[in-house]
Amino acid sequence: MRNDPKLLKAFLREKQQSHLYRATRISESAQQPRMHIGGKPYLTFCSNDYLGLANHPTIIQSFQQASNKYGVGSGAAHLINGHSIEHQKLEEELAEFTGRERALLFSTGYMANLGVVNALMERGDIIFADRLNHASLVDAGLLSNAKMQRYPHNDLSRLDNLYSKNTATNTMILSDGVFSMDGDVAEVKALAKIAKQHQAWLIIDDAHGFATLGKTGAGLLEQQGLSQEDVPILMATLGKGIGTAGAFIAGSNELIEYLIQTARTYIFTTAMPPAIAAATRTSLKLVQQENWRRDKLNALIKQFKQGAKQLGITLMPSDTAIQPIMIGSSELAVSLSQKLQQKGILLTAIRPPTVPNNTARLRVTFSASHSEDDVAFLLDCLQICHIKSS
């Protein structure tokens, strides 16, 4: 974009006219189903706090106690003097929880994906990526200088076909575990088989499956029974089901040591506050001890899917906490979101470029902190607002 105020104004005007303009909402309460946003009360169905842990009193207490002990900021990068005992213990506990040899903390999921892909791939290598991958995986591939080929969503026959034409010696398969805007899951067993066959790196971004899927909450790979040998690189975030902040990469000891030496987004950034790591350790224990949170979340999902079917609303195929209603038109999606807002429901319209053109949707997400009455009220409002899928 050239340094011309007229061009900036024209760009913003075009975004507004095409119903793609975005603006922040200012919340005045803790992250929970019932919030005050912009001075008004709302029942929200757009958070990624899937297990309702973001405002848990025990986790808050751990954060406060650690802040009193370690202060607020970590003060330095991990490799200088910012790596506290809380960081170290959290990495060890994440590795044990996920069944991997080691884990490495990053400040965000975006930084984790950029760090690991750019550390392993370079010009002349090829990355095969699902077309519906999260933006952080897309950008990680683009910034690596490797050639990136995107296969149609979950189309593994097309992935096989791409490999049949491959001439690169170093390749990588990139995929979300749970796709953030659709709610469906990757065919991870098949991806693992293809990766082994071609001696490729396989990265599964389980940001939306970690804590919510699997017997103990260890995520999609636990649910599918896949080991470190099957999926060499697991990425997951801590700001969604875990309810805190940050992310991690889990894998072999050699992989983690390699990333410590080479991942620029790990080396050249300040470590997360030690208090966040301490709070996350407490959250990780609750995820494993309180299975009722996943049970309740699944019951709410089932209630919503059954209610939507009775109303004639066809949901996108998903068994996760992400239950999108396809609308199509961005203008209509925004209008329906505004109608729900007038009823006291905050349910945001997801529009391009987050999703492909003409696939705008209302992305419904559930938390274990929601009640059955909350879900019933949402269904009533969907009916009153005449919301139907396209």
Protein backbone atom coordinates (compact mmCIF):
# COMPACT_ATOMS: atom_id res chain seq x y z
CA MET A 1 0.00 0.00 0.00
CA ARG A 2 1.55 3.28 -1.15
CA ASN A 3 1.86 6.14 1.33
CA ASP A 4 -1.30 7.89 0.17
CA PRO A 5 -4.14 8.71 2.62
CA LYS A 6 -6.65 8.54 -0.22
CA LEU A 7 -5.76 4.93 -0.91
CA LEU A 8 -6.17 4.02 2.76
CA LYS A 9 -9.57 5.72 2.88
CA ALA A 10 -10.66 3.99 -0.32
CA PHE A 11 -9.59 0.61 1.07
CA LEU A 12 -11.54 1.13 4.30
CA ARG A 13 -14.60 2.38 2.42
CA GLU A 14 -14.57 -0.71 0.20
CA LYS A 15 -14.38 -2.98 3.26
CA GLN A 16 -17.39 -1.25 4.78
CA GLN A 17 -19.42 -1.43 1.57
CA SER A 18 -18.70 -5.14 1.12
CA HIS A 19 -19.64 -5.91 4.76
CA LEU A 20 -16.10 -7.07 5.53
CA TYR A 21 -15.12 -4.24 7.90
CA ARG A 22 -13.92 -5.36 11.31
CA ALA A 23 -13.85 -3.56 14.65
CA THR A 24 -12.91 -4.51 18.18
CA ARG A 25 -15.49 -4.95 20.90
CA ILE A 26 -14.53 -3.74 24.36
CA SER A 27 -15.39 -6.19 27.13
CA GLU A 28 -15.78 -5.02 30.71
CA SER A 29 -15.96 -8.39 32.44
CA ALA A 30 -14.07 -11.66 32.73
CA GLN A 31 -14.19 -14.24 29.96
CA GLN A 32 -17.35 -16.25 30.62
CA PRO A 33 -20.70 -16.96 28.92
CA ARG A 34 -22.41 -13.87 30.34
CA MET A 35 -20.36 -10.75 29.72
CA HIS A 36 -20.66 -6.97 29.60
CA ILE A 37 -19.39 -5.73 26.24
CA GLY A 38 -19.65 -2.13 25.09
CA GLY A 39 -21.76 -1.35 28.15
CA LYS A 40 -24.38 -4.02 27.41
CA PRO A 41 -24.98 -7.54 28.81
CA TYR A 42 -24.68 -10.46 26.40
CA LEU A 43 -24.88 -14.23 26.45
CA THR A 44 -21.88 -15.12 24.29
CA PHE A 45 -21.39 -18.06 21.94
CA CYS A 46 -18.16 -17.00 20.27
CA SER A 47 -15.39 -17.76 22.77
CA ASN A 48 -12.73 -20.48 22.53
CA ASP A 49 -12.81 -20.99 26.32
CA TYR A 50 -14.21 -24.47 25.71
CA LEU A 51 -13.88 -25.89 29.23
CA GLY A 52 -14.75 -22.69 31.09
CA LEU A 53 -11.32 -22.38 32.71
CA ALA A 54 -10.37 -18.80 31.76
CA ASN A 55 -12.03 -17.41 34.89
CA HIS A 56 -11.56 -20.39 37.23
CA PRO A 57 -10.85 -19.24 40.82
CA THR A 58 -8.16 -21.86 41.49
CA ILE A 59 -6.29 -20.90 38.34
CA ILE A 60 -6.62 -17.21 39.23
CA GLN A 61 -5.20 -17.97 42.67
CA SER A 62 -2.20 -19.77 41.14
CA PHE A 63 -1.59 -16.78 38.88
CA GLN A 64 -1.76 -14.35 41.82
CA GLN A 65 0.56 -16.41 44.02
CA ALA A 66 3.10 -16.79 41.22
CA SER A 67 2.95 -13.05 40.46
CA ASN A 68 3.73 -12.32 44.11
CA LYS A 69 6.74 -14.64 43.91
CA TYR A 70 8.11 -14.02 40.40
CA GLY A 71 6.72 -10.58 39.53
CA VAL A 72 4.87 -9.80 36.31
CA GLY A 73 7.24 -9.87 33.35
CA SER A 74 9.81 -12.59 32.66
CA GLY A 75 12.25 -9.84 31.67
CA ALA A 76 14.18 -11.73 29.00
CA ALA A 77 14.13 -14.43 26.37
CA HIS A 78 14.21 -18.07 27.46
CA LEU A 79 17.87 -18.44 26.46
CA ILE A 80 19.01 -15.36 28.42
CA ASN A 81 17.54 -15.49 31.93
CA GLY A 82 13.78 -15.47 31.30
CA HIS A 83 13.23 -19.23 31.61
CA SER A 84 11.83 -19.78 35.09
CA ILE A 85 11.28 -22.98 37.04
CA GLU A 86 7.56 -22.58 36.25
CA HIS A 87 8.30 -22.64 32.51
CA GLN A 88 10.50 -25.69 32.94
CA LYS A 89 7.95 -27.63 34.97
CA LEU A 90 5.16 -26.74 32.57
CA GLU A 91 7.18 -28.02 29.60
CA GLU A 92 7.85 -31.28 31.43
CA GLU A 93 4.19 -31.70 32.38
CA LEU A 94 2.98 -30.94 28.84
CA ALA A 95 5.37 -33.54 27.45
CA GLU A 96 4.14 -36.16 29.90
CA PHE A 97 0.48 -35.27 29.29
CA THR A 98 0.79 -35.55 25.51
CA GLY A 99 2.99 -38.66 25.57
CA ARG A 100 5.94 -36.89 23.92
CA GLU A 101 9.57 -36.80 24.98
CA ARG A 102 9.85 -33.02 25.21
CA ALA A 103 7.78 -29.85 24.87
CA LEU A 104 8.84 -26.29 24.11
CA LEU A 105 6.85 -23.18 25.07
CA PHE A 106 6.10 -20.33 22.67
CA SER A 107 4.33 -17.06 23.40
CA THR A 108 1.53 -17.71 20.88
CA GLY A 109 0.33 -20.42 18.54
CA TYR A 110 1.19 -18.16 15.61
CA MET A 111 4.80 -17.95 16.80
CA ALA A 112 4.96 -21.69 17.40
CA ASN A 113 3.86 -22.49 13.85
CA LEU A 114 6.13 -19.90 12.26
CA GLY A 115 9.03 -21.05 14.40
CA VAL A 116 8.87 -24.78 13.74
CA VAL A 117 8.09 -24.61 10.00
CA ASN A 118 10.79 -22.04 9.27
CA ALA A 119 13.32 -24.00 11.32
CA LEU A 120 12.75 -27.20 9.34
CA MET A 121 11.97 -26.00 5.80
CA GLU A 122 13.86 -23.89 3.28
CA ARG A 123 14.08 -23.07 -0.41
CA GLY A 124 13.89 -26.24 -2.50
CA ASP A 125 11.71 -28.10 0.03
CA ILE A 126 7.98 -28.71 -0.45
CA ILE A 127 5.13 -28.24 2.02
CA PHE A 128 1.76 -29.93 1.43
CA ALA A 129 -0.98 -28.07 3.30
CA ASP A 130 -4.73 -28.49 3.74
CA ARG A 131 -6.52 -25.63 2.00
CA LEU A 132 -8.55 -24.79 5.13
CA ASN A 133 -5.57 -24.55 7.47
CA HIS A 134 -5.40 -21.70 9.98
CA ALA A 135 -3.72 -18.49 8.81
CA SER A 136 -0.72 -19.14 11.04
CA LEU A 137 0.05 -22.39 9.19
CA VAL A 138 -0.45 -20.67 5.83
CA ASP A 139 1.89 -17.84 6.77
CA ALA A 140 4.42 -20.28 8.24
CA GLY A 141 4.62 -22.06 4.91
CA LEU A 142 4.82 -18.86 2.86
CA LEU A 143 7.57 -17.36 5.02
CA SER A 144 9.69 -20.50 4.98
CA ASN A 145 10.66 -20.00 1.30
CA ALA A 146 9.73 -23.61 0.65
CA LYS A 147 7.29 -24.33 -2.16
CA MET A 148 3.80 -24.76 -0.73
CA GLN A 149 1.15 -26.85 -2.45
CA ARG A 150 -2.35 -26.76 -0.96
CA TYR A 151 -4.61 -29.78 -1.39
CA PRO A 152 -8.44 -29.58 -1.19
CA HIS A 153 -9.77 -29.89 2.35
CA ASN A 154 -9.26 -33.43 3.69
CA ASP A 155 -8.78 -34.74 0.13
CA LEU A 156 -6.06 -37.29 0.78
CA SER A 157 -6.29 -38.86 -2.67
CA ARG A 158 -5.23 -35.46 -4.03
CA LEU A 159 -2.41 -35.36 -1.47
CA ASP A 160 -1.27 -38.80 -2.67
CA ASN A 161 -1.37 -37.51 -6.23
CA LEU A 162 0.76 -34.50 -5.34
CA TYR A 163 3.31 -36.79 -3.72
CA SER A 164 3.44 -38.94 -6.87
CA LYS A 165 4.84 -35.87 -8.68
CA ASN A 166 7.15 -34.77 -5.87
CA THR A 167 10.89 -34.49 -6.48
CA ALA A 168 11.99 -32.77 -3.26
CA THR A 169 13.93 -34.74 -0.67
CA ASN A 170 12.61 -32.78 2.33
CA THR A 171 8.83 -32.49 2.55
CA MET A 172 6.27 -31.60 5.21
CA ILE A 173 2.54 -32.14 5.65
CA LEU A 174 0.75 -29.33 7.51
CA SER A 175 -2.76 -29.67 8.88
CA ASP A 176 -5.06 -28.40 11.57
CA GLY A 177 -6.37 -31.10 13.87
CA VAL A 178 -9.75 -29.47 14.43
CA PHE A 179 -10.44 -26.92 11.70
CA SER A 180 -11.20 -23.66 13.47
CA MET A 181 -13.91 -22.29 11.19
CA ASP A 182 -15.58 -25.58 10.22
CA GLY A 183 -15.29 -27.65 13.39
CA ASP A 184 -14.51 -30.90 11.58
CA VAL A 185 -11.31 -32.87 12.10
CA ALA A 186 -8.37 -33.94 9.94
CA GLU A 187 -7.94 -37.53 8.82
CA VAL A 188 -4.90 -37.76 11.06
CA LYS A 189 -4.41 -41.55 10.85
CA ALA A 190 -4.27 -41.38 7.06
CA LEU A 191 -2.00 -38.32 7.17
CA ALA A 192 0.36 -40.18 9.50
CA LYS A 193 0.47 -43.13 7.08
CA ILE A 194 1.26 -40.89 4.10
CA ALA A 195 3.94 -39.02 6.05
CA LYS A 196 5.64 -42.28 7.07
CA GLN A 197 5.50 -43.60 3.52
CA HIS A 198 7.33 -40.53 2.21
CA GLN A 199 9.56 -39.88 5.26
CA ALA A 200 7.92 -36.47 5.58
CA TRP A 201 7.55 -34.19 8.55
CA LEU A 202 3.96 -34.12 9.82
CA ILE A 203 2.71 -31.19 11.90
CA ILE A 204 -0.75 -31.32 13.47
CA ASP A 205 -2.00 -28.03 14.90
CA ASP A 206 -4.39 -29.21 17.62
CA ALA A 207 -5.24 -25.75 18.94
CA HIS A 208 -8.99 -26.47 19.07
CA GLY A 209 -8.76 -30.14 20.09
CA PHE A 210 -6.30 -29.89 22.96
CA ALA A 211 -8.05 -30.18 26.37
CA THR A 212 -11.44 -30.95 24.76
CA LEU A 213 -10.81 -34.23 22.90
CA GLY A 214 -9.41 -37.56 24.07
CA LYS A 215 -10.00 -39.62 27.19
CA THR A 216 -7.88 -37.32 29.38
CA GLY A 217 -8.12 -34.19 27.23
CA ALA A 218 -4.75 -34.61 25.51
CA GLY A 219 -6.44 -33.86 22.21
CA LEU A 220 -7.19 -35.33 18.81
CA LEU A 221 -4.04 -37.44 18.69
CA GLU A 222 -4.94 -39.10 21.99
CA GLN A 223 -8.48 -39.66 20.71
CA GLN A 224 -7.09 -41.32 17.57
CA GLY A 225 -4.38 -43.26 19.43
CA LEU A 226 -1.46 -41.67 17.58
CA SER A 227 2.01 -41.59 19.14
CA GLN A 228 5.06 -39.37 18.66
CA GLU A 229 6.28 -41.87 16.06
CA ASP A 230 3.02 -41.42 14.12
CA VAL A 231 2.91 -37.63 14.39
CA PRO A 232 6.44 -36.26 14.95
CA ILE A 233 5.31 -32.69 15.64
CA LEU A 234 2.31 -31.65 17.75
CA MET A 235 1.42 -27.99 18.22
CA ALA A 236 -1.29 -26.86 20.61
CA THR A 237 -2.31 -23.57 22.17
CA LEU A 238 -2.97 -22.79 25.82
CA GLY A 239 -5.40 -19.89 25.34
CA LYS A 240 -8.40 -21.96 24.28
CA GLY A 241 -9.40 -25.15 26.13
CA ILE A 242 -6.71 -24.60 28.76
CA GLY A 243 -7.93 -21.05 29.44
CA THR A 244 -4.58 -19.24 29.86
CA ALA A 245 -2.17 -18.09 27.12
CA GLY A 246 0.71 -19.29 24.97
CA ALA A 247 1.43 -22.43 22.99
CA PHE A 248 3.85 -25.33 22.73
CA ILE A 249 5.50 -27.73 20.32
CA ALA A 250 5.85 -31.34 21.50
CA GLY A 251 8.04 -34.02 19.93
CA SER A 252 11.31 -35.89 20.27
CA ASN A 253 14.21 -34.73 22.38
CA GLU A 254 16.26 -34.10 19.25
CA LEU A 255 13.50 -32.04 17.63
CA ILE A 256 13.13 -29.80 20.67
CA GLU A 257 16.88 -29.32 21.02
CA TYR A 258 17.02 -28.43 17.31
CA LEU A 259 14.23 -25.85 17.74
CA ILE A 260 15.97 -24.31 20.74
CA GLN A 261 18.98 -23.68 18.48
CA THR A 262 17.11 -22.58 15.35
CA ALA A 263 13.50 -21.41 15.90
CA ARG A 264 13.72 -17.63 15.62
CA THR A 265 10.30 -17.02 17.22
CA TYR A 266 11.56 -18.88 20.30
CA ILE A 267 15.08 -17.45 20.44
CA PHE A 268 14.32 -13.79 19.77
CA THR A 269 11.32 -13.05 21.96
CA THR A 270 10.66 -12.48 25.64
CA ALA A 271 9.39 -15.50 27.51
CA MET A 272 5.77 -15.53 28.69
CA PRO A 273 5.30 -14.30 32.28
CA PRO A 274 6.15 -17.03 34.82
CA ALA A 275 2.73 -16.50 36.44
CA ILE A 276 1.05 -17.56 33.18
CA ALA A 277 3.08 -20.76 33.22
CA ALA A 278 2.13 -21.39 36.86
CA ALA A 279 -1.55 -20.80 36.14
CA THR A 280 -1.33 -23.14 33.14
CA ARG A 281 0.12 -25.90 35.31
CA THR A 282 -2.92 -25.65 37.56
CA SER A 283 -5.26 -25.62 34.57
CA LEU A 284 -3.55 -28.70 33.15
CA LYS A 285 -4.29 -30.58 36.37
CA LEU A 286 -7.96 -29.54 36.27
CA VAL A 287 -8.26 -30.69 32.65
CA GLN A 288 -7.14 -34.17 33.71
CA GLN A 289 -9.03 -34.33 37.01
CA GLU A 290 -12.38 -32.86 35.99
CA ASN A 291 -13.59 -35.08 33.15
CA TRP A 292 -17.10 -33.77 33.80
CA ARG A 293 -16.16 -30.60 31.88
CA ARG A 294 -15.69 -32.52 28.63
CA ASP A 295 -18.79 -34.61 29.38
CA LYS A 296 -20.89 -31.49 29.90
CA LEU A 297 -19.47 -29.81 26.81
CA ASN A 298 -20.39 -32.84 24.71
CA ALA A 299 -23.90 -32.90 26.21
CA LEU A 300 -24.42 -29.23 25.27
CA ILE A 301 -23.17 -29.88 21.74
CA LYS A 302 -25.62 -32.79 21.40
CA GLN A 303 -28.48 -30.64 22.74
CA PHE A 304 -27.74 -27.89 20.23
CA LYS A 305 -27.41 -30.25 17.26
CA GLN A 306 -30.72 -31.93 18.11
CA GLY A 307 -32.45 -28.57 18.60
CA ALA A 308 -31.07 -27.19 15.35
CA LYS A 309 -32.31 -30.25 13.47
CA GLN A 310 -35.80 -29.75 14.88
CA LEU A 311 -35.71 -26.13 13.66
CA GLY A 312 -34.61 -27.19 10.19
CA ILE A 313 -31.16 -25.65 10.56
CA THR A 314 -28.54 -27.74 8.79
CA LEU A 315 -25.26 -27.37 10.62
CA MET A 316 -21.87 -27.93 9.05
CA PRO A 317 -20.60 -31.47 9.84
CA SER A 318 -18.88 -31.24 13.23
CA ASP A 319 -18.84 -33.12 16.52
CA THR A 320 -16.65 -30.55 18.28
CA ALA A 321 -17.44 -27.40 20.26
CA ILE A 322 -17.36 -25.45 16.98
CA GLN A 323 -20.82 -25.65 15.33
CA PRO A 324 -21.02 -23.27 12.35
CA ILE A 325 -24.22 -22.27 10.56
CA MET A 326 -23.41 -21.63 6.91
CA ILE A 327 -25.00 -18.41 5.64
CA GLY A 328 -23.07 -17.61 2.45
CA SER A 329 -23.54 -13.86 2.01
CA SER A 330 -21.39 -11.63 4.20
CA GLU A 331 -24.12 -8.99 4.22
CA LEU A 332 -26.71 -11.49 5.45
CA ALA A 333 -24.37 -13.01 8.03
CA VAL A 334 -23.68 -9.56 9.51
CA SER A 335 -27.40 -8.71 9.51
CA LEU A 336 -28.30 -11.95 11.32
CA SER A 337 -25.52 -11.43 13.85
CA GLN A 338 -26.91 -7.95 14.55
CA LYS A 339 -30.44 -9.33 15.01
CA LEU A 340 -29.13 -11.83 17.57
CA GLN A 341 -27.29 -9.01 19.32
CA GLN A 342 -30.57 -7.19 19.75
CA LYS A 343 -31.86 -10.32 21.53
CA GLY A 344 -28.85 -10.30 23.88
CA ILE A 345 -26.86 -13.00 22.05
CA LEU A 346 -23.30 -12.31 20.93
CA LEU A 347 -22.57 -14.58 17.96
CA THR A 348 -20.15 -13.11 15.46
CA ALA A 349 -20.32 -13.35 11.69
CA ILE A 350 -17.22 -14.98 10.22
CA ARG A 351 -16.46 -13.52 6.79
CA PRO A 352 -13.71 -13.55 4.13
CA PRO A 353 -10.76 -13.59 4.21
CA THR A 354 -11.08 -15.76 7.34
CA VAL A 355 -13.22 -18.13 5.26
CA PRO A 356 -13.49 -18.52 1.45
CA ASN A 357 -15.67 -16.14 -0.55
CA ASN A 358 -19.43 -16.74 -0.31
CA THR A 359 -19.06 -18.95 2.77
CA ALA A 360 -19.74 -16.42 5.53
CA ARG A 361 -21.17 -18.11 8.60
CA LEU A 362 -22.30 -17.78 12.18
CA ARG A 363 -19.68 -19.70 14.13
CA VAL A 364 -21.35 -21.06 17.27
CA THR A 365 -18.93 -22.19 19.98
CA PHE A 366 -19.77 -23.79 23.30
CA SER A 367 -18.20 -23.82 26.75
CA ALA A 368 -18.66 -26.15 29.67
CA SER A 369 -19.69 -22.99 31.52
CA HIS A 370 -22.83 -22.70 29.41
CA SER A 371 -26.04 -24.18 30.82
CA GLU A 372 -28.80 -26.15 29.12
CA ASP A 373 -30.99 -23.06 29.52
CA ASP A 374 -28.37 -21.00 27.67
CA VAL A 375 -28.48 -23.40 24.73
CA ALA A 376 -32.27 -23.42 24.75
CA PHE A 377 -32.32 -19.61 24.70
CA LEU A 378 -29.90 -19.57 21.75
CA LEU A 379 -32.15 -21.98 19.84
CA ASP A 380 -35.20 -19.82 20.59
CA CYS A 381 -33.38 -16.74 19.30
CA LEU A 382 -32.28 -18.53 16.14
CA GLN A 383 -35.92 -19.42 15.50
CA ILE A 384 -37.23 -15.92 16.26
CA CYS A 385 -34.62 -14.37 13.94
CA HIS A 386 -35.56 -16.86 11.17
CA ILE A 387 -31.99 -18.04 10.86
CA LYS A 388 -31.56 -20.88 8.37
CA SER A 389 -28.45 -22.33 6.81
CA SER A 390 -27.80 -21.67 3.14
